[in-house]
Amino acid sequence: MLFGFNQNQDIIPEIYSSLNKQDLIMTFLIQYNFCVDEKLKIPLFYGKNAKSIRDVFEKFIYDISHVHFGKIKNIFKLRLKATNKGFIFKTKSVKKYNLKQIFKNYYYGMCFNTHNLFCDYVYNKISKQNIDRVVDQKDNLIIVDQKCAILPLCKEIDIHNLEIENEIHKLLTLIRENNFDRFYIVCPRNENFTHFIEIKHFLCDLNKTMLKLVPYKISNQLIRRK
């Protein structure tokens, strides 16, 4: 599954296909901002009235460069053919951003693996929320202070038709071999999955590990953990 856009259209994974256009754009932009370098981030307000994900980048580039967008396209095409020449606009605000790379992303298109994007978003957000704790990432598993484990799972959950037996089975080895106090499986929140579900299993009881399936809201808000 890919999430992003190319030169012709937005590329939407099935898990987010039920979102309206505005929520879809913000879902991409929030995750994008959590996972890229500071100089590539785009303020969220550019997503509020955008017609597509690609349109977010176009509106941002237009504003930050203060140059007519048609001219930007022509300049960029020429600079691609030149060697050792920068893509520079004479504005103070440009210094804060890597406008050349942002425009390349816009011009050629940009897609992320949907699952990897969600995993990186969850890891980066948890890291920012727990600045005084040790947060490690081993493959997709996030571990906080060696006591709490979080497994991001980019899967659509319906509490009325819960199908996570395979995922639970894979976790049993981790639960058996570690002394986690808490183990969370976090999936994107949706209208059919708004509350956590505590999962009972004899191994969890044996290891005294609390296992929960948690709806994870894709949001820019940070809640600092103490």
C-alpha atoms as a PDB file:
ATOM      1  CA  MET A   1       0.000   0.000   0.000  1.00  0.00           C
ATOM      2  CA  LEU A   2       1.288   3.427  -0.950  1.00  0.00           C
ATOM      3  CA  PHE A   3       0.220   6.828   0.341  1.00  0.00           C
ATOM      4  CA  GLY A   4       1.097  10.050  -1.476  1.00  0.00           C
ATOM      5  CA  PHE A   5       0.847  11.407  -4.990  1.00  0.00           C
ATOM      6  CA  ASN A   6       2.402  11.375  -8.436  1.00  0.00           C
ATOM      7  CA  GLN A   7       2.286  13.938 -11.231  1.00  0.00           C
ATOM      8  CA  ASN A   8      -1.264  12.970 -12.148  1.00  0.00           C
ATOM      9  CA  GLN A   9      -3.156  12.061  -9.011  1.00  0.00           C
ATOM     10  CA  ASP A  10      -3.183  11.347  -5.293  1.00  0.00           C
ATOM     11  CA  ILE A  11      -2.465   7.750  -4.314  1.00  0.00           C
ATOM     12  CA  ILE A  12      -4.738   6.666  -1.475  1.00  0.00           C
ATOM     13  CA  PRO A  13      -4.414   3.409   0.489  1.00  0.00           C
ATOM     14  CA  GLU A  14      -7.580   1.464   1.160  1.00  0.00           C
ATOM     15  CA  ILE A  15      -7.348   1.989   4.918  1.00  0.00           C
ATOM     16  CA  TYR A  16      -7.953   5.733   4.458  1.00  0.00           C
ATOM     17  CA  SER A  17     -10.288   5.547   1.469  1.00  0.00           C
ATOM     18  CA  SER A  18     -13.409   6.244   3.562  1.00  0.00           C
ATOM     19  CA  LEU A  19     -12.114   9.614   4.785  1.00  0.00           C
ATOM     20  CA  ASN A  20     -13.442  12.795   3.256  1.00  0.00           C
ATOM     21  CA  LYS A  21     -10.974  14.800   1.185  1.00  0.00           C
ATOM     22  CA  GLN A  22     -10.079  17.246   3.942  1.00  0.00           C
ATOM     23  CA  ASP A  23      -9.411  14.550   6.558  1.00  0.00           C
ATOM     24  CA  LEU A  24      -7.463  12.516   4.020  1.00  0.00           C
ATOM     25  CA  ILE A  25      -5.144  15.407   3.173  1.00  0.00           C
ATOM     26  CA  MET A  26      -4.549  16.202   6.840  1.00  0.00           C
ATOM     27  CA  THR A  27      -3.942  12.524   7.635  1.00  0.00           C
ATOM     28  CA  PHE A  28      -1.133  12.505   5.098  1.00  0.00           C
ATOM     29  CA  LEU A  29       0.307  15.907   6.006  1.00  0.00           C
ATOM     30  CA  ILE A  30       0.442  15.260   9.762  1.00  0.00           C
ATOM     31  CA  GLN A  31       2.277  11.975   9.299  1.00  0.00           C
ATOM     32  CA  TYR A  32       4.565  13.523   6.684  1.00  0.00           C
ATOM     33  CA  ASN A  33       5.553  16.346   9.053  1.00  0.00           C
ATOM     34  CA  PHE A  34       6.374  13.944  11.873  1.00  0.00           C
ATOM     35  CA  CYS A  35       8.625  11.864   9.626  1.00  0.00           C
ATOM     36  CA  VAL A  36      10.690  14.371   7.625  1.00  0.00           C
ATOM     37  CA  ASP A  37      13.497  16.802   8.395  1.00  0.00           C
ATOM     38  CA  GLU A  38      12.536  20.183   9.841  1.00  0.00           C
ATOM     39  CA  LYS A  39      13.431  21.956   6.589  1.00  0.00           C
ATOM     40  CA  LEU A  40      10.930  19.843   4.654  1.00  0.00           C
ATOM     41  CA  LYS A  41       7.915  20.311   6.934  1.00  0.00           C
ATOM     42  CA  ILE A  42       4.869  22.157   5.667  1.00  0.00           C
ATOM     43  CA  PRO A  43       2.562  24.145   7.998  1.00  0.00           C
ATOM     44  CA  LEU A  44      -0.734  22.335   8.482  1.00  0.00           C
ATOM     45  CA  PHE A  45      -2.897  25.265   7.431  1.00  0.00           C
ATOM     46  CA  TYR A  46      -1.845  24.620   3.821  1.00  0.00           C
ATOM     47  CA  GLY A  47      -3.841  21.413   3.987  1.00  0.00           C
ATOM     48  CA  LYS A  48      -7.086  22.983   5.161  1.00  0.00           C
ATOM     49  CA  ASN A  49      -8.285  24.321   1.813  1.00  0.00           C
ATOM     50  CA  ALA A  50      -6.184  22.193  -0.518  1.00  0.00           C
ATOM     51  CA  LYS A  51      -7.876  20.310  -3.332  1.00  0.00           C
ATOM     52  CA  SER A  52      -5.439  17.396  -3.139  1.00  0.00           C
ATOM     53  CA  ILE A  53      -2.262  16.276  -1.362  1.00  0.00           C
ATOM     54  CA  ARG A  54      -0.202  17.569  -4.273  1.00  0.00           C
ATOM     55  CA  ASP A  55      -2.007  20.901  -4.058  1.00  0.00           C
ATOM     56  CA  VAL A  56      -0.657  21.355  -0.512  1.00  0.00           C
ATOM     57  CA  PHE A  57       2.883  21.467  -1.869  1.00  0.00           C
ATOM     58  CA  GLU A  58       1.946  23.804  -4.710  1.00  0.00           C
ATOM     59  CA  LYS A  59       0.274  26.323  -2.387  1.00  0.00           C
ATOM     60  CA  PHE A  60       3.206  26.222   0.016  1.00  0.00           C
ATOM     61  CA  ILE A  61       5.837  26.688  -2.698  1.00  0.00           C
ATOM     62  CA  TYR A  62       3.912  29.598  -4.173  1.00  0.00           C
ATOM     63  CA  ASP A  63       3.670  31.379  -0.813  1.00  0.00           C
ATOM     64  CA  ILE A  64       7.198  30.760   0.370  1.00  0.00           C
ATOM     65  CA  SER A  65       8.872  31.786  -2.881  1.00  0.00           C
ATOM     66  CA  HIS A  66       6.753  34.851  -3.685  1.00  0.00           C
ATOM     67  CA  VAL A  67       7.196  33.984  -7.348  1.00  0.00           C
ATOM     68  CA  HIS A  68       4.440  33.191  -9.831  1.00  0.00           C
ATOM     69  CA  PHE A  69       4.084  29.426  -9.921  1.00  0.00           C
ATOM     70  CA  GLY A  70       4.481  29.189 -13.683  1.00  0.00           C
ATOM     71  CA  LYS A  71       7.892  30.857 -13.350  1.00  0.00           C
ATOM     72  CA  ILE A  72       8.880  28.441 -10.596  1.00  0.00           C
ATOM     73  CA  LYS A  73       8.187  25.502 -12.897  1.00  0.00           C
ATOM     74  CA  ASN A  74      10.256  26.976 -15.699  1.00  0.00           C
ATOM     75  CA  ILE A  75      13.150  27.881 -13.400  1.00  0.00           C
ATOM     76  CA  PHE A  76      13.154  24.421 -11.890  1.00  0.00           C
ATOM     77  CA  LYS A  77      13.243  22.685 -15.258  1.00  0.00           C
ATOM     78  CA  LEU A  78      16.214  24.796 -16.313  1.00  0.00           C
ATOM     79  CA  ARG A  79      18.069  24.238 -13.055  1.00  0.00           C
ATOM     80  CA  LEU A  80      17.635  20.484 -13.331  1.00  0.00           C
ATOM     81  CA  LYS A  81      19.647  20.578 -16.533  1.00  0.00           C
ATOM     82  CA  ALA A  82      22.330  22.824 -15.086  1.00  0.00           C
ATOM     83  CA  THR A  83      25.181  21.587 -12.914  1.00  0.00           C
ATOM     84  CA  ASN A  84      26.218  22.871  -9.497  1.00  0.00           C
ATOM     85  CA  LYS A  85      23.593  25.593  -9.467  1.00  0.00           C
ATOM     86  CA  GLY A  86      21.235  26.140  -6.566  1.00  0.00           C
ATOM     87  CA  PHE A  87      17.501  26.642  -6.655  1.00  0.00           C
ATOM     88  CA  ILE A  88      17.404  29.935  -4.749  1.00  0.00           C
ATOM     89  CA  PHE A  89      14.818  32.639  -4.242  1.00  0.00           C
ATOM     90  CA  LYS A  90      15.699  35.935  -2.648  1.00  0.00           C
ATOM     91  CA  THR A  91      13.453  35.815   0.384  1.00  0.00           C
ATOM     92  CA  LYS A  92      14.325  35.500   4.056  1.00  0.00           C
ATOM     93  CA  SER A  93      11.741  32.808   4.658  1.00  0.00           C
ATOM     94  CA  VAL A  94      13.332  30.433   2.170  1.00  0.00           C
ATOM     95  CA  LYS A  95      16.357  30.018   4.438  1.00  0.00           C
ATOM     96  CA  LYS A  96      14.191  28.078   6.867  1.00  0.00           C
ATOM     97  CA  TYR A  97      13.195  25.504   4.249  1.00  0.00           C
ATOM     98  CA  ASN A  98      14.821  23.183   1.755  1.00  0.00           C
ATOM     99  CA  LEU A  99      12.707  24.564  -1.064  1.00  0.00           C
ATOM    100  CA  LYS A 100      14.661  22.766  -3.748  1.00  0.00           C
ATOM    101  CA  GLN A 101      13.877  19.362  -2.259  1.00  0.00           C
ATOM    102  CA  ILE A 102      10.277  20.299  -1.528  1.00  0.00           C
ATOM    103  CA  PHE A 103       9.821  21.301  -5.142  1.00  0.00           C
ATOM    104  CA  LYS A 104      11.417  18.072  -6.345  1.00  0.00           C
ATOM    105  CA  ASN A 105       8.951  16.156  -4.183  1.00  0.00           C
ATOM    106  CA  TYR A 106       6.119  18.145  -5.694  1.00  0.00           C
ATOM    107  CA  TYR A 107       7.346  17.936  -9.278  1.00  0.00           C
ATOM    108  CA  TYR A 108       8.150  14.228  -9.418  1.00  0.00           C
ATOM    109  CA  GLY A 109       5.618  13.012  -6.873  1.00  0.00           C
ATOM    110  CA  MET A 110       6.174  11.375  -3.522  1.00  0.00           C
ATOM    111  CA  CYS A 111       4.822   8.171  -1.996  1.00  0.00           C
ATOM    112  CA  PHE A 112       5.371   6.386   1.295  1.00  0.00           C
ATOM    113  CA  ASN A 113       4.769   2.818   2.275  1.00  0.00           C
ATOM    114  CA  THR A 114       1.561   3.300   4.280  1.00  0.00           C
ATOM    115  CA  HIS A 115       2.518   0.952   7.105  1.00  0.00           C
ATOM    116  CA  ASN A 116       6.050   2.329   7.441  1.00  0.00           C
ATOM    117  CA  LEU A 117       4.765   5.895   7.442  1.00  0.00           C
ATOM    118  CA  PHE A 118       2.337   5.102  10.263  1.00  0.00           C
ATOM    119  CA  CYS A 119       5.025   3.241  12.254  1.00  0.00           C
ATOM    120  CA  ASP A 120       7.489   6.121  11.936  1.00  0.00           C
ATOM    121  CA  TYR A 121       4.782   8.629  12.828  1.00  0.00           C
ATOM    122  CA  VAL A 122       3.885   6.713  16.009  1.00  0.00           C
ATOM    123  CA  TYR A 123       7.552   6.324  16.983  1.00  0.00           C
ATOM    124  CA  ASN A 124       8.387   9.991  16.423  1.00  0.00           C
ATOM    125  CA  LYS A 125       5.297  11.154  18.270  1.00  0.00           C
ATOM    126  CA  ILE A 126       5.906   8.876  21.249  1.00  0.00           C
ATOM    127  CA  SER A 127       9.528  10.041  21.362  1.00  0.00           C
ATOM    128  CA  LYS A 128       8.446  13.682  21.487  1.00  0.00           C
ATOM    129  CA  GLN A 129       5.855  12.921  24.170  1.00  0.00           C
ATOM    130  CA  ASN A 130       8.327  11.050  26.362  1.00  0.00           C
ATOM    131  CA  ILE A 131      11.430  13.223  26.209  1.00  0.00           C
ATOM    132  CA  ASP A 132      12.626  12.113  29.671  1.00  0.00           C
ATOM    133  CA  ARG A 133      12.334   8.418  28.916  1.00  0.00           C
ATOM    134  CA  VAL A 134      14.335   5.949  26.852  1.00  0.00           C
ATOM    135  CA  VAL A 135      12.407   5.197  23.669  1.00  0.00           C
ATOM    136  CA  ASP A 136      13.842   2.523  21.369  1.00  0.00           C
ATOM    137  CA  GLN A 137      12.616   1.104  18.093  1.00  0.00           C
ATOM    138  CA  LYS A 138      13.384  -2.468  17.093  1.00  0.00           C
ATOM    139  CA  ASP A 139      11.944  -3.182  13.676  1.00  0.00           C
ATOM    140  CA  ASN A 140       8.362  -1.974  14.143  1.00  0.00           C
ATOM    141  CA  LEU A 141       8.275  -2.477  17.898  1.00  0.00           C
ATOM    142  CA  ILE A 142       8.583   0.622  20.082  1.00  0.00           C
ATOM    143  CA  ILE A 143       9.859   0.102  23.631  1.00  0.00           C
ATOM    144  CA  VAL A 144       9.664   2.709  26.386  1.00  0.00           C
ATOM    145  CA  ASP A 145      11.985   2.253  29.396  1.00  0.00           C
ATOM    146  CA  GLN A 146      12.078  -1.486  28.693  1.00  0.00           C
ATOM    147  CA  LYS A 147       8.688  -1.762  30.392  1.00  0.00           C
ATOM    148  CA  CYS A 148       6.116  -0.674  27.849  1.00  0.00           C
ATOM    149  CA  ALA A 149       5.908  -2.003  24.278  1.00  0.00           C
ATOM    150  CA  ILE A 150       3.922  -0.447  21.441  1.00  0.00           C
ATOM    151  CA  LEU A 151       3.335  -2.171  18.127  1.00  0.00           C
ATOM    152  CA  PRO A 152       1.952   0.125  15.381  1.00  0.00           C
ATOM    153  CA  LEU A 153      -0.296  -1.769  13.009  1.00  0.00           C
ATOM    154  CA  CYS A 154      -1.703   0.072  10.003  1.00  0.00           C
ATOM    155  CA  LYS A 155      -4.855  -1.973   9.753  1.00  0.00           C
ATOM    156  CA  GLU A 156      -8.507  -0.986   9.693  1.00  0.00           C
ATOM    157  CA  ILE A 157     -10.164  -2.233  12.865  1.00  0.00           C
ATOM    158  CA  ASP A 158     -13.875  -2.825  13.267  1.00  0.00           C
ATOM    159  CA  ILE A 159     -14.853  -3.711  16.835  1.00  0.00           C
ATOM    160  CA  HIS A 160     -17.976  -5.444  15.467  1.00  0.00           C
ATOM    161  CA  ASN A 161     -15.864  -7.727  13.300  1.00  0.00           C
ATOM    162  CA  LEU A 162     -12.515  -7.998  15.005  1.00  0.00           C
ATOM    163  CA  GLU A 163      -9.939  -9.918  12.965  1.00  0.00           C
ATOM    164  CA  ILE A 164      -6.557  -9.730  14.670  1.00  0.00           C
ATOM    165  CA  GLU A 165      -5.962 -13.371  15.609  1.00  0.00           C
ATOM    166  CA  ASN A 166      -2.864 -13.591  13.400  1.00  0.00           C
ATOM    167  CA  GLU A 167      -1.353 -10.455  14.911  1.00  0.00           C
ATOM    168  CA  ILE A 168      -2.010 -11.645  18.459  1.00  0.00           C
ATOM    169  CA  HIS A 169      -0.434 -15.003  17.733  1.00  0.00           C
ATOM    170  CA  LYS A 170       2.753 -13.294  16.494  1.00  0.00           C
ATOM    171  CA  LEU A 171       2.951 -11.238  19.679  1.00  0.00           C
ATOM    172  CA  LEU A 172       2.857 -14.197  22.036  1.00  0.00           C
ATOM    173  CA  THR A 173       6.561 -14.910  21.600  1.00  0.00           C
ATOM    174  CA  LEU A 174       7.405 -11.316  22.531  1.00  0.00           C
ATOM    175  CA  ILE A 175       5.152 -11.518  25.556  1.00  0.00           C
ATOM    176  CA  ARG A 176       6.654 -14.849  26.574  1.00  0.00           C
ATOM    177  CA  GLU A 177      10.271 -13.707  26.255  1.00  0.00           C
ATOM    178  CA  ASN A 178      10.002 -10.224  27.785  1.00  0.00           C
ATOM    179  CA  ASN A 179       8.892  -8.660  31.029  1.00  0.00           C
ATOM    180  CA  PHE A 180       6.755  -5.877  29.646  1.00  0.00           C
ATOM    181  CA  ASP A 181       4.255  -4.376  32.080  1.00  0.00           C
ATOM    182  CA  ARG A 182       2.117  -3.149  29.217  1.00  0.00           C
ATOM    183  CA  PHE A 183       1.815  -4.043  25.561  1.00  0.00           C
ATOM    184  CA  TYR A 184      -0.209  -1.890  23.185  1.00  0.00           C
ATOM    185  CA  ILE A 185      -1.190  -2.612  19.608  1.00  0.00           C
ATOM    186  CA  VAL A 186      -2.048   0.752  18.074  1.00  0.00           C
ATOM    187  CA  CYS A 187      -4.049   1.087  14.866  1.00  0.00           C
ATOM    188  CA  PRO A 188      -5.424   4.172  13.105  1.00  0.00           C
ATOM    189  CA  ARG A 189      -8.586   5.376  14.746  1.00  0.00           C
ATOM    190  CA  ASN A 190     -11.794   5.251  12.706  1.00  0.00           C
ATOM    191  CA  GLU A 191     -15.526   5.615  13.276  1.00  0.00           C
ATOM    192  CA  ASN A 192     -15.825   1.893  14.089  1.00  0.00           C
ATOM    193  CA  PHE A 193     -12.845   1.895  16.428  1.00  0.00           C
ATOM    194  CA  THR A 194     -12.890   4.682  19.006  1.00  0.00           C
ATOM    195  CA  HIS A 195     -12.156   2.911  22.301  1.00  0.00           C
ATOM    196  CA  PHE A 196      -9.403   0.591  23.442  1.00  0.00           C
ATOM    197  CA  ILE A 197     -10.026  -3.138  23.806  1.00  0.00           C
ATOM    198  CA  GLU A 198      -8.273  -5.139  26.498  1.00  0.00           C
ATOM    199  CA  ILE A 199      -7.253  -8.547  25.206  1.00  0.00           C
ATOM    200  CA  LYS A 200      -7.212 -11.524  27.557  1.00  0.00           C
ATOM    201  CA  HIS A 201      -4.808 -14.395  27.051  1.00  0.00           C
ATOM    202  CA  PHE A 202      -3.349 -16.878  29.501  1.00  0.00           C
ATOM    203  CA  LEU A 203       0.221 -15.858  28.564  1.00  0.00           C
ATOM    204  CA  CYS A 204      -0.600 -12.252  29.387  1.00  0.00           C
ATOM    205  CA  ASP A 205      -1.922 -13.316  32.771  1.00  0.00           C
ATOM    206  CA  LEU A 206       1.079 -15.570  33.330  1.00  0.00           C
ATOM    207  CA  ASN A 207       3.551 -12.774  32.539  1.00  0.00           C
ATOM    208  CA  LYS A 208       1.362 -10.141  34.195  1.00  0.00           C
ATOM    209  CA  THR A 209       1.367  -8.164  30.951  1.00  0.00           C
ATOM    210  CA  MET A 210      -1.574  -5.942  30.132  1.00  0.00           C
ATOM    211  CA  LEU A 211      -2.393  -6.223  26.421  1.00  0.00           C
ATOM    212  CA  LYS A 212      -4.605  -3.623  24.749  1.00  0.00           C
ATOM    213  CA  LEU A 213      -5.704  -2.807  21.224  1.00  0.00           C
ATOM    214  CA  VAL A 214      -5.752   0.987  21.023  1.00  0.00           C
ATOM    215  CA  PRO A 215      -7.226   3.426  18.456  1.00  0.00           C
ATOM    216  CA  TYR A 216      -4.448   5.886  17.641  1.00  0.00           C
ATOM    217  CA  LYS A 217      -5.579   9.285  16.454  1.00  0.00           C
ATOM    218  CA  ILE A 218      -3.482  10.868  13.730  1.00  0.00           C
ATOM    219  CA  SER A 219      -3.086  14.328  15.190  1.00  0.00           C
ATOM    220  CA  ASN A 220      -0.499  17.046  15.500  1.00  0.00           C
ATOM    221  CA  GLN A 221      -1.241  17.444  19.202  1.00  0.00           C
ATOM    222  CA  LEU A 222       1.471  16.407  21.658  1.00  0.00           C
ATOM    223  CA  ILE A 223       0.641  15.275  25.174  1.00  0.00           C
ATOM    224  CA  ARG A 224       3.727  15.263  27.341  1.00  0.00           C
ATOM    225  CA  ARG A 225       4.071  12.157  29.456  1.00  0.00           C
ATOM    226  CA  LYS A 226       5.431  12.442  33.015  1.00  0.00           C
END
